[in-house]
Amino acid sequence: MAQDILVGFYCEADGDCEINMDKDELKYAEWVKREDVVLQPNDLSLTNEMMKMFKEGKI
């Protein structure tokens, strides 16, 4: 049995929308519109599910 825990979070930007990312954690970051989100077909990952919910306006 796998012993990994995967957690996903949603948030809202309050104020300045400038992205300040940790370059040790991420290589690239950008804001996108719902209609510009590209989903991976047949991908059952948590990330893809969260992106799908955002694209469909459920969150």
Protein backbone atom coordinates (compact mmCIF):
# COMPACT_ATOMS: atom_id res chain seq x y z
CA MET A 1 0.00 0.00 0.00
CA ALA A 2 1.29 3.47 -0.87
CA GLN A 3 2.16 5.67 2.09
CA ASP A 4 2.21 8.99 0.25
CA ILE A 5 -0.27 11.77 0.93
CA LEU A 6 -1.17 14.20 -1.84
CA VAL A 7 -2.99 17.41 -0.94
CA GLY A 8 -4.30 20.13 -3.24
CA PHE A 9 -5.43 23.63 -2.31
CA TYR A 10 -7.39 26.44 -3.94
CA CYS A 11 -6.98 30.10 -3.06
CA GLU A 12 -8.04 33.57 -4.15
CA ALA A 13 -5.66 36.42 -4.85
CA ASP A 14 -6.40 39.43 -2.66
CA GLY A 15 -4.70 42.58 -3.88
CA ASP A 16 -1.60 42.45 -6.07
CA CYS A 17 -1.72 39.59 -8.60
CA GLU A 18 2.04 39.55 -9.21
CA ILE A 19 3.40 36.01 -9.03
CA ASN A 20 6.28 35.63 -6.57
CA MET A 21 7.38 32.04 -6.90
CA ASP A 22 10.08 30.10 -5.13
CA LYS A 23 12.54 29.30 -7.94
CA ASP A 24 13.79 26.30 -5.96
CA GLU A 25 10.27 24.82 -6.10
CA LEU A 26 8.95 25.94 -9.49
CA LYS A 27 10.46 26.65 -12.88
CA TYR A 28 7.51 28.55 -14.37
CA ALA A 29 4.22 30.11 -13.20
CA GLU A 30 1.47 32.13 -14.89
CA TRP A 31 -2.15 33.18 -14.46
CA VAL A 32 -4.55 31.65 -17.00
CA LYS A 33 -8.20 32.13 -17.93
CA ARG A 34 -10.57 29.20 -17.47
CA GLU A 35 -11.04 28.81 -21.21
CA ASP A 36 -7.27 28.56 -21.74
CA VAL A 37 -6.76 25.63 -19.34
CA VAL A 38 -5.61 22.53 -21.24
CA LEU A 39 -6.58 19.23 -19.63
CA GLN A 40 -4.83 15.92 -20.17
CA PRO A 41 -7.26 13.27 -21.49
CA ASN A 42 -7.61 10.13 -19.37
CA ASP A 43 -5.47 11.66 -16.60
CA LEU A 44 -6.81 10.67 -13.17
CA SER A 45 -4.35 12.83 -11.24
CA LEU A 46 -5.35 15.25 -8.48
CA THR A 47 -3.83 18.11 -10.47
CA ASN A 48 -5.90 17.36 -13.57
CA GLU A 49 -9.09 17.02 -11.47
CA MET A 50 -8.46 20.41 -9.83
CA MET A 51 -7.79 22.00 -13.22
CA LYS A 52 -11.00 20.45 -14.59
CA MET A 53 -13.07 21.86 -11.71
CA PHE A 54 -11.56 25.33 -12.28
CA LYS A 55 -12.16 25.16 -16.06
CA GLU A 56 -15.81 24.12 -15.51
CA GLY A 57 -16.37 26.99 -13.03
CA LYS A 58 -17.04 24.64 -10.11
CA ILE A 59 -14.57 26.51 -7.94
